[in-house]
């Protein structure tokens, strides 16, 4: 009896990832049944026995013994004379059982089967990787940088699967080289030309949420809930949290003793400034907390238009707006309200509303200044040309001309 040991014949397949041995043996059986059909026309009368423990495979073919001259299909039947040459005890009506060896298929068929087997297992492996990561969207993964390109970075997970970290999903301050360890969240999984394409992200809000879950046990245990996260990756983030236990201060729990819990997250995000805010259904209070660290004097809400007019002391305006306008922009996203900042005039401060200059300065230019909370002449003059160009969509020449007009008012 000649056994075909598949572990020896297909040794390289042991290294395939994500495929268990029974599944691989099932694929092997399918391949050999295909070979049998090509050679004998059918595999219905063949038994393919695969031993998943040691990799042995046996093929047994059964044919019915017929009287000489009465065999109509040599693939299913065998004449008595031919059968008795092998086993003299056989009679008409008996089953003639023979073992088929791998060698009997011929070299060409074996090479073709081998190629088919490689293709099937590669396809199966790709499907397994796709399914595995499709179920992990939103989870954190850690991998090693394998190659860095201009528009994306190739990262390998602990099983050698390829993950792509596009430049658009990287924090601006991220800098990677081969061999670096990278932490990110599984963002999107697609099948592209039969190949799984796994996109990971460090800029997605879910990445920040998972980092909080890792660092703050109360969030992981469900005692504190993250209501919403908004981010300007690498610059600033605002996280609204709520506790279902009155004994737990959600903000304090997230920040930790002397910032111990949040420091690790900030480092991972390349010093991204994170504001943790206590969520409330009181819209005015929520907006006030969202604009932290600025202190607000008063707020006028328009719930129908979802707008909020926020009034602050002159020295609080720049804090409310934040560097590059990030603070006010994120506060708006967090609360769902379009926030306009207004400088509350000091009665001892001689200042002029910029609307007073509408006959000298185009209204769309004035609107640009008001959009970033600069609604008086002195509030505009308090900033440099560079800062004004950066915060508005105005050209440098336009800004200089406006400053010249406003300065003349106080000369």
Protein backbone atom coordinates (compact mmCIF):
# COMPACT_ATOMS: atom_id res chain seq x y z
CA UNK A 1 0.00 0.00 0.00
CA UNK A 2 1.49 3.31 -1.08
CA UNK A 3 0.67 6.40 1.00
CA UNK A 4 1.07 9.94 -0.29
CA UNK A 5 2.41 12.12 2.49
CA UNK A 6 1.19 15.66 1.79
CA UNK A 7 3.18 17.27 4.59
CA UNK A 8 6.34 16.17 2.74
CA UNK A 9 5.00 16.92 -0.73
CA UNK A 10 3.65 20.38 0.13
CA UNK A 11 6.01 21.37 2.94
CA UNK A 12 5.92 25.04 2.05
CA UNK A 13 2.20 25.32 2.85
CA UNK A 14 2.84 24.90 6.57
CA UNK A 15 4.03 28.53 6.62
CA UNK A 16 0.76 29.98 5.33
CA UNK A 17 -0.80 32.34 7.87
CA UNK A 18 -4.38 32.34 9.14
CA UNK A 19 -5.23 28.89 7.71
CA UNK A 20 -5.82 25.98 10.04
CA UNK A 21 -4.78 22.47 9.02
CA UNK A 22 -8.30 21.01 8.57
CA UNK A 23 -9.17 23.83 6.16
CA UNK A 24 -5.95 23.27 4.23
CA UNK A 25 -6.62 19.52 4.03
CA UNK A 26 -10.14 20.22 2.74
CA UNK A 27 -8.61 22.32 -0.04
CA UNK A 28 -6.21 19.48 -0.82
CA UNK A 29 -9.10 17.04 -1.11
CA UNK A 30 -10.92 19.37 -3.53
CA UNK A 31 -7.80 19.64 -5.69
CA UNK A 32 -7.34 15.86 -5.87
CA UNK A 33 -11.01 15.29 -6.64
CA UNK A 34 -10.61 17.69 -9.53
CA UNK A 35 -7.64 15.62 -10.78
CA UNK A 36 -9.75 12.42 -10.49
CA UNK A 37 -12.59 13.96 -12.52
CA UNK A 38 -10.19 15.02 -15.26
CA UNK A 39 -8.68 11.52 -15.51
CA UNK A 40 -11.72 9.28 -14.92
CA UNK A 41 -14.65 11.53 -15.80
CA UNK A 42 -16.17 11.27 -12.32
CA UNK A 43 -15.15 11.17 -8.68
CA UNK A 44 -18.44 9.75 -7.40
CA UNK A 45 -16.97 6.28 -6.95
CA UNK A 46 -13.76 7.54 -5.36
CA UNK A 47 -12.98 8.07 -1.70
CA UNK A 48 -10.35 10.68 -0.84
CA UNK A 49 -9.16 10.16 2.74
CA UNK A 50 -7.12 12.96 4.29
CA UNK A 51 -5.55 12.49 7.70
CA UNK A 52 -5.36 15.97 9.25
CA UNK A 53 -3.01 14.75 12.00
CA UNK A 54 -0.12 13.51 9.90
CA UNK A 55 -0.99 14.75 6.41
CA UNK A 56 -1.44 11.29 4.83
CA UNK A 57 -3.77 11.07 1.84
CA UNK A 58 -5.21 7.93 0.24
CA UNK A 59 -7.39 7.70 -2.88
CA UNK A 60 -9.56 4.60 -3.27
CA UNK A 61 -11.58 3.88 -6.41
CA UNK A 62 -14.54 1.47 -6.41
CA UNK A 63 -15.91 -0.25 -9.56
CA UNK A 64 -18.66 -2.85 -9.95
CA UNK A 65 -17.56 -6.27 -11.28
CA UNK A 66 -19.56 -7.14 -14.44
CA UNK A 67 -19.71 -10.24 -16.65
CA UNK A 68 -17.21 -10.19 -19.47
CA UNK A 69 -18.50 -8.14 -22.40
CA UNK A 70 -21.19 -6.38 -20.29
CA UNK A 71 -19.19 -3.42 -18.97
CA UNK A 72 -20.67 -0.18 -20.36
CA UNK A 73 -18.52 2.36 -18.48
CA UNK A 74 -14.93 1.45 -17.62
CA UNK A 75 -14.78 4.32 -15.15
CA UNK A 76 -17.56 2.77 -13.03
CA UNK A 77 -17.38 -0.90 -13.97
CA UNK A 78 -14.77 -3.62 -14.56
CA UNK A 79 -15.12 -6.97 -16.39
CA UNK A 80 -14.76 -10.18 -14.38
CA UNK A 81 -11.66 -11.48 -16.22
CA UNK A 82 -9.72 -8.26 -15.60
CA UNK A 83 -10.79 -8.12 -11.95
CA UNK A 84 -9.83 -11.76 -11.28
CA UNK A 85 -6.34 -11.18 -12.63
CA UNK A 86 -5.80 -9.00 -9.57
CA UNK A 87 -8.07 -10.85 -7.09
CA UNK A 88 -9.15 -14.38 -8.06
CA UNK A 89 -11.88 -14.43 -5.37
CA UNK A 90 -13.92 -11.65 -6.97
CA UNK A 91 -17.30 -12.52 -8.54
CA UNK A 92 -19.88 -10.69 -10.64
CA UNK A 93 -21.66 -8.04 -8.51
CA UNK A 94 -18.73 -7.54 -6.12
CA UNK A 95 -17.04 -4.19 -5.60
CA UNK A 96 -13.56 -3.97 -7.03
CA UNK A 97 -11.57 -1.53 -4.88
CA UNK A 98 -8.16 -0.23 -5.91
CA UNK A 99 -5.84 2.42 -4.53
CA UNK A 100 -4.81 5.19 -6.90
CA UNK A 101 -1.30 6.52 -6.45
CA UNK A 102 -0.27 10.10 -7.06
CA UNK A 103 2.27 8.92 -9.64
CA UNK A 104 -0.52 7.43 -11.79
CA UNK A 105 -1.80 10.90 -12.67
CA UNK A 106 1.38 11.82 -14.52
CA UNK A 107 3.90 14.62 -14.06
CA UNK A 108 1.93 17.26 -15.96
CA UNK A 109 -1.26 16.71 -13.97
CA UNK A 110 0.66 16.81 -10.68
CA UNK A 111 2.34 20.13 -11.58
CA UNK A 112 -1.04 21.59 -12.63
CA UNK A 113 -2.58 20.42 -9.35
CA UNK A 114 0.25 21.94 -7.40
CA UNK A 115 -0.28 25.29 -9.11
CA UNK A 116 -4.03 25.11 -8.46
CA UNK A 117 -3.34 24.30 -4.82
CA UNK A 118 -1.05 27.32 -4.42
CA UNK A 119 -3.69 29.61 -5.99
CA UNK A 120 -6.51 28.24 -3.84
CA UNK A 121 -4.56 28.57 -0.60
CA UNK A 122 -3.40 32.11 -1.45
CA UNK A 123 -7.00 33.04 -2.21
CA UNK A 124 -8.18 31.44 1.02
CA UNK A 125 -5.50 33.24 2.99
CA UNK A 126 -6.52 36.60 1.51
CA UNK A 127 -10.16 35.93 2.40
CA UNK A 128 -9.19 35.05 5.97
CA UNK A 129 -7.14 38.25 6.36
CA UNK A 130 -10.03 40.30 4.94
CA UNK A 131 -12.56 38.71 7.34
CA UNK A 132 -10.24 39.06 10.31
CA UNK A 133 -9.65 42.80 9.78
CA UNK A 134 -13.22 43.55 8.66
CA UNK A 135 -14.28 42.49 12.16
CA UNK A 136 -11.55 44.65 13.72
CA UNK A 137 -12.49 48.04 12.22
CA UNK A 138 -12.24 50.58 15.04
CA UNK A 139 -9.74 48.49 17.04
CA UNK A 140 -6.17 49.48 17.85
CA UNK A 141 -3.36 47.55 16.18
CA UNK A 142 0.38 47.73 16.71
CA UNK A 143 2.77 46.99 13.87
CA UNK A 144 6.28 47.55 12.63
CA UNK A 145 7.20 49.96 9.85
CA UNK A 146 8.47 47.98 6.88
CA UNK A 147 8.71 50.65 4.19
CA UNK A 148 8.15 54.40 4.02
CA UNK A 149 6.93 56.04 0.82
CA UNK A 150 6.01 59.61 0.01
CA UNK A 151 2.23 59.14 0.25
CA UNK A 152 1.94 56.17 2.62
CA UNK A 153 3.78 53.89 5.02
CA UNK A 154 3.70 50.09 4.89
CA UNK A 155 3.29 48.50 8.32
CA UNK A 156 3.43 44.77 9.12
CA UNK A 157 1.40 43.30 11.98
CA UNK A 158 2.73 40.54 14.23
CA UNK A 159 1.68 37.92 11.64
CA UNK A 160 3.33 39.74 8.74
CA UNK A 161 0.06 41.02 7.23
CA UNK A 162 0.39 44.29 5.32
CA UNK A 163 -1.31 47.41 6.71
CA UNK A 164 -1.25 50.78 4.95
CA UNK A 165 -0.93 54.07 6.84
CA UNK A 166 -1.59 56.86 4.27
CA UNK A 167 -0.03 60.27 4.79
CA UNK A 168 -3.54 61.69 5.17
CA UNK A 169 -4.11 59.39 8.17
CA UNK A 170 -0.87 60.41 9.89
CA UNK A 171 -0.49 63.16 12.47
CA UNK A 172 1.47 66.04 10.85
CA UNK A 173 4.35 65.58 13.33
CA UNK A 174 4.59 61.81 12.66
CA UNK A 175 7.96 60.69 11.35
CA UNK A 176 8.62 57.00 10.78
CA UNK A 177 11.60 54.94 9.71
CA UNK A 178 11.96 51.23 9.04
CA UNK A 179 11.71 49.15 12.20
CA UNK A 180 9.69 51.72 14.20
CA UNK A 181 6.71 50.48 16.20
CA UNK A 182 3.43 52.13 15.17
CA UNK A 183 0.10 52.23 16.99
CA UNK A 184 -3.04 53.05 14.99
CA UNK A 185 -6.69 52.15 14.61
CA UNK A 186 -8.10 49.93 11.83
CA UNK A 187 -9.93 52.50 9.74
CA UNK A 188 -11.12 50.82 6.54
CA UNK A 189 -10.90 47.35 4.97
CA UNK A 190 -11.56 46.76 1.27
CA UNK A 191 -10.99 44.01 -1.26
CA UNK A 192 -9.07 45.45 -4.23
CA UNK A 193 -8.40 43.12 -7.18
CA UNK A 194 -8.87 40.10 -4.85
CA UNK A 195 -6.32 41.53 -2.42
CA UNK A 196 -7.29 42.81 1.04
CA UNK A 197 -6.43 46.49 1.49
CA UNK A 198 -6.26 47.41 5.18
CA UNK A 199 -6.08 51.13 5.94
CA UNK A 200 -5.03 52.19 9.44
CA UNK A 201 -5.33 55.69 10.89
CA UNK A 202 -3.80 57.85 13.62
CA UNK A 203 -6.02 60.86 12.89
CA UNK A 204 -9.46 59.24 13.30
CA UNK A 205 -11.44 60.18 16.45
CA UNK A 206 -11.75 56.43 17.14
CA UNK A 207 -7.98 56.25 17.67
CA UNK A 208 -8.18 58.81 20.48
CA UNK A 209 -11.20 56.99 21.95
CA UNK A 210 -9.34 53.65 22.04
CA UNK A 211 -6.33 55.33 23.70
CA UNK A 212 -8.63 56.67 26.41
CA UNK A 213 -10.11 53.18 26.87
CA UNK A 214 -6.60 51.78 27.34
CA UNK A 215 -5.54 54.46 29.81
CA UNK A 216 -8.77 55.00 31.77
CA UNK A 217 -10.23 51.85 33.39
CA UNK A 218 -13.51 53.62 34.17
CA UNK A 219 -14.12 54.15 30.43
CA UNK A 220 -13.19 50.56 29.60
CA UNK A 221 -15.58 49.32 32.36
CA UNK A 222 -18.41 51.56 31.13
CA UNK A 223 -18.59 53.77 34.23
CA UNK A 224 -17.63 56.78 32.11
CA UNK A 225 -18.91 57.25 28.56
CA UNK A 226 -17.24 59.24 25.81
CA UNK A 227 -20.12 61.20 24.24
CA UNK A 228 -18.17 62.79 21.39
CA UNK A 229 -14.64 63.42 20.14
CA UNK A 230 -13.52 66.10 17.68
CA UNK A 231 -9.92 66.57 16.56
CA UNK A 232 -7.52 68.70 14.61
CA UNK A 233 -4.83 65.95 14.54
CA UNK A 234 -1.58 67.01 16.15
CA UNK A 235 -3.02 70.37 17.21
CA UNK A 236 -6.03 70.07 19.48
CA UNK A 237 -8.81 67.69 20.50
CA UNK A 238 -11.93 68.04 22.58
CA UNK A 239 -13.44 65.04 24.35
CA UNK A 240 -16.90 65.22 25.96
CA UNK A 241 -17.32 62.66 28.76
CA UNK A 242 -20.17 61.71 31.08
CA UNK A 243 -20.30 59.60 34.26
CA UNK A 244 -23.25 57.44 35.27
CA UNK A 245 -21.95 57.33 38.83
CA UNK A 246 -22.26 60.59 40.80
CA UNK A 247 -19.26 59.58 42.89
CA UNK A 248 -16.97 59.65 39.84
CA UNK A 249 -15.64 62.90 38.38
CA UNK A 250 -15.34 61.99 34.67
CA UNK A 251 -12.90 64.77 33.82
CA UNK A 252 -10.66 64.03 36.81
CA UNK A 253 -10.70 60.30 36.08
CA UNK A 254 -9.65 60.89 32.44
CA UNK A 255 -6.88 63.32 33.30
CA UNK A 256 -5.56 61.29 36.25
CA UNK A 257 -3.50 62.36 39.25
CA UNK A 258 -1.27 65.23 38.10
CA UNK A 259 -2.21 64.37 34.49
CA UNK A 260 -0.75 60.85 34.75
CA UNK A 261 -3.37 59.23 32.52
CA UNK A 262 -3.67 61.86 29.83
CA UNK A 263 0.10 62.46 29.48
CA UNK A 264 0.61 59.08 27.80
CA UNK A 265 -2.13 59.85 25.28
CA UNK A 266 -0.72 63.31 24.57
CA UNK A 267 2.74 61.81 23.92
CA UNK A 268 1.29 59.21 21.55
CA UNK A 269 -0.48 61.99 19.64
CA UNK A 270 2.68 64.09 19.30
CA UNK A 271 1.71 66.63 21.99
CA UNK A 272 -1.82 67.17 20.72
CA UNK A 273 -3.59 69.48 23.19
CA UNK A 274 -6.53 67.53 24.66
CA UNK A 275 -9.45 69.26 26.41
CA UNK A 276 -11.60 66.87 28.44
CA UNK A 277 -15.07 68.38 28.97
CA UNK A 278 -17.92 67.33 31.23
CA UNK A 279 -20.92 66.69 28.96
CA UNK A 280 -24.23 68.39 29.78
CA UNK A 281 -27.62 68.79 28.09
CA UNK A 282 -27.57 72.47 29.06
CA UNK A 283 -26.49 73.96 25.73
CA UNK A 284 -25.22 77.27 27.14
CA UNK A 285 -23.11 75.51 29.74
CA UNK A 286 -21.89 72.99 27.16
CA UNK A 287 -20.74 75.77 24.81
CA UNK A 288 -19.09 77.54 27.73
CA UNK A 289 -17.17 74.38 28.64
CA UNK A 290 -16.34 73.67 24.99
CA UNK A 291 -14.67 77.08 24.58
CA UNK A 292 -12.35 76.38 27.52
CA UNK A 293 -9.87 77.79 28.52
CA UNK A 294 -11.61 81.08 27.61
CA UNK A 295 -13.97 82.61 30.19
CA UNK A 296 -17.28 83.71 28.67
CA UNK A 297 -19.31 86.73 29.80
CA UNK A 298 -22.61 85.85 28.12
CA UNK A 299 -24.14 83.72 25.34
CA UNK A 300 -27.12 84.34 23.04
CA UNK A 301 -28.50 81.20 21.41
CA UNK A 302 -30.61 80.71 18.30
CA UNK A 303 -31.74 77.08 18.61
CA UNK A 304 -33.56 77.10 15.26
CA UNK A 305 -30.50 78.21 13.29
CA UNK A 306 -28.12 76.40 15.66
CA UNK A 307 -26.02 79.52 16.15
CA UNK A 308 -24.48 80.98 19.30
CA UNK A 309 -23.27 84.56 19.82
CA UNK A 310 -20.60 84.45 22.51
CA UNK A 311 -19.45 87.63 24.29
CA UNK A 312 -16.07 87.79 26.03
CA UNK A 313 -13.73 90.26 27.66
CA UNK A 314 -11.09 91.56 25.21
CA UNK A 315 -8.31 89.50 26.79
CA UNK A 316 -10.36 86.28 26.39
CA UNK A 317 -11.10 86.57 22.66
CA UNK A 318 -7.80 85.11 21.46
CA UNK A 319 -8.12 82.25 23.98
CA UNK A 320 -11.61 81.41 22.68
CA UNK A 321 -10.46 81.43 19.07
CA UNK A 322 -7.22 79.57 19.77
CA UNK A 323 -4.10 79.23 17.67
CA UNK A 324 -5.09 78.91 14.03
CA UNK A 325 -8.76 79.13 15.03
CA UNK A 326 -8.70 75.49 16.23
CA UNK A 327 -10.39 76.09 19.59
CA UNK A 328 -13.51 77.80 18.26
CA UNK A 329 -13.75 75.44 15.28
CA UNK A 330 -13.62 72.32 17.50
CA UNK A 331 -16.06 73.85 20.02
CA UNK A 332 -18.53 74.32 17.17
CA UNK A 333 -18.11 70.73 15.99
CA UNK A 334 -18.46 69.38 19.51
CA UNK A 335 -21.64 71.27 20.37
CA UNK A 336 -23.23 71.31 16.93
CA UNK A 337 -23.61 75.11 17.04
CA UNK A 338 -22.01 77.70 14.77
CA UNK A 339 -20.22 79.93 17.25
CA UNK A 340 -19.55 83.63 16.65
CA UNK A 341 -17.24 85.39 19.10
CA UNK A 342 -17.80 89.04 20.03
CA UNK A 343 -15.51 91.28 22.01
CA UNK A 344 -17.31 92.94 24.90
CA UNK A 345 -16.29 96.60 24.88
CA UNK A 346 -14.68 98.01 27.99
CA UNK A 347 -16.36 101.29 29.01
CA UNK A 348 -12.94 102.82 29.72
CA UNK A 349 -11.52 101.68 26.42
CA UNK A 350 -12.01 104.03 23.50
CA UNK A 351 -12.55 101.72 20.57
CA UNK A 352 -14.48 101.75 17.31
CA UNK A 353 -16.67 99.00 15.86
CA UNK A 354 -15.21 97.91 12.52
CA UNK A 355 -18.65 98.34 10.91
CA UNK A 356 -17.97 102.07 11.25
CA UNK A 357 -15.37 101.68 8.47
CA UNK A 358 -17.82 100.12 5.96
CA UNK A 359 -17.54 103.16 3.67
CA UNK A 360 -13.75 102.66 3.40
CA UNK A 361 -13.43 98.86 3.67
CA UNK A 362 -15.46 96.31 1.66
CA UNK A 363 -18.09 94.45 3.71
CA UNK A 364 -16.70 91.00 2.78
CA UNK A 365 -13.32 92.02 4.26
CA UNK A 366 -14.99 93.20 7.47
CA UNK A 367 -16.89 89.88 7.61
CA UNK A 368 -13.56 88.01 7.52
CA UNK A 369 -12.38 89.85 10.63
CA UNK A 370 -15.68 89.35 12.43
CA UNK A 371 -15.60 85.65 11.58
CA UNK A 372 -12.51 85.24 13.77
CA UNK A 373 -13.88 87.41 16.57
CA UNK A 374 -12.26 90.73 15.64
CA UNK A 375 -15.16 93.17 15.64
CA UNK A 376 -13.42 96.35 16.78
CA UNK A 377 -10.58 98.41 15.34
CA UNK A 378 -8.26 97.87 18.31
CA UNK A 379 -8.83 94.09 18.32
CA UNK A 380 -7.58 93.99 14.72
CA UNK A 381 -4.66 96.33 15.43
CA UNK A 382 -3.60 94.14 18.37
CA UNK A 383 -2.44 91.44 15.95
CA UNK A 384 0.47 91.41 13.51
CA UNK A 385 0.12 91.28 9.73
CA UNK A 386 1.36 87.68 9.73
CA UNK A 387 -1.17 86.56 12.32
CA UNK A 388 -4.04 88.23 10.49
CA UNK A 389 -3.05 86.67 7.14
CA UNK A 390 -2.84 83.24 8.80
CA UNK A 391 -6.22 83.50 10.53
CA UNK A 392 -8.18 85.03 7.66
CA UNK A 393 -8.42 84.27 3.95
CA UNK A 394 -7.08 87.75 3.10
CA UNK A 395 -4.01 88.69 1.11
CA UNK A 396 -1.10 90.43 2.88
CA UNK A 397 -1.58 93.63 0.87
CA UNK A 398 -5.27 93.78 1.83
CA UNK A 399 -4.43 93.31 5.53
CA UNK A 400 -1.81 96.08 5.41
CA UNK A 401 -4.29 98.45 3.75
CA UNK A 402 -6.93 97.71 6.45
CA UNK A 403 -4.41 98.27 9.26
CA UNK A 404 -3.45 101.59 7.72
CA UNK A 405 -7.11 102.73 7.64
CA UNK A 406 -7.75 101.60 11.23
CA UNK A 407 -4.52 103.14 12.59
CA UNK A 408 -5.44 106.49 11.11
CA UNK A 409 -8.54 106.56 13.34
CA UNK A 410 -6.40 106.73 16.50
CA UNK A 411 -3.73 109.17 15.30
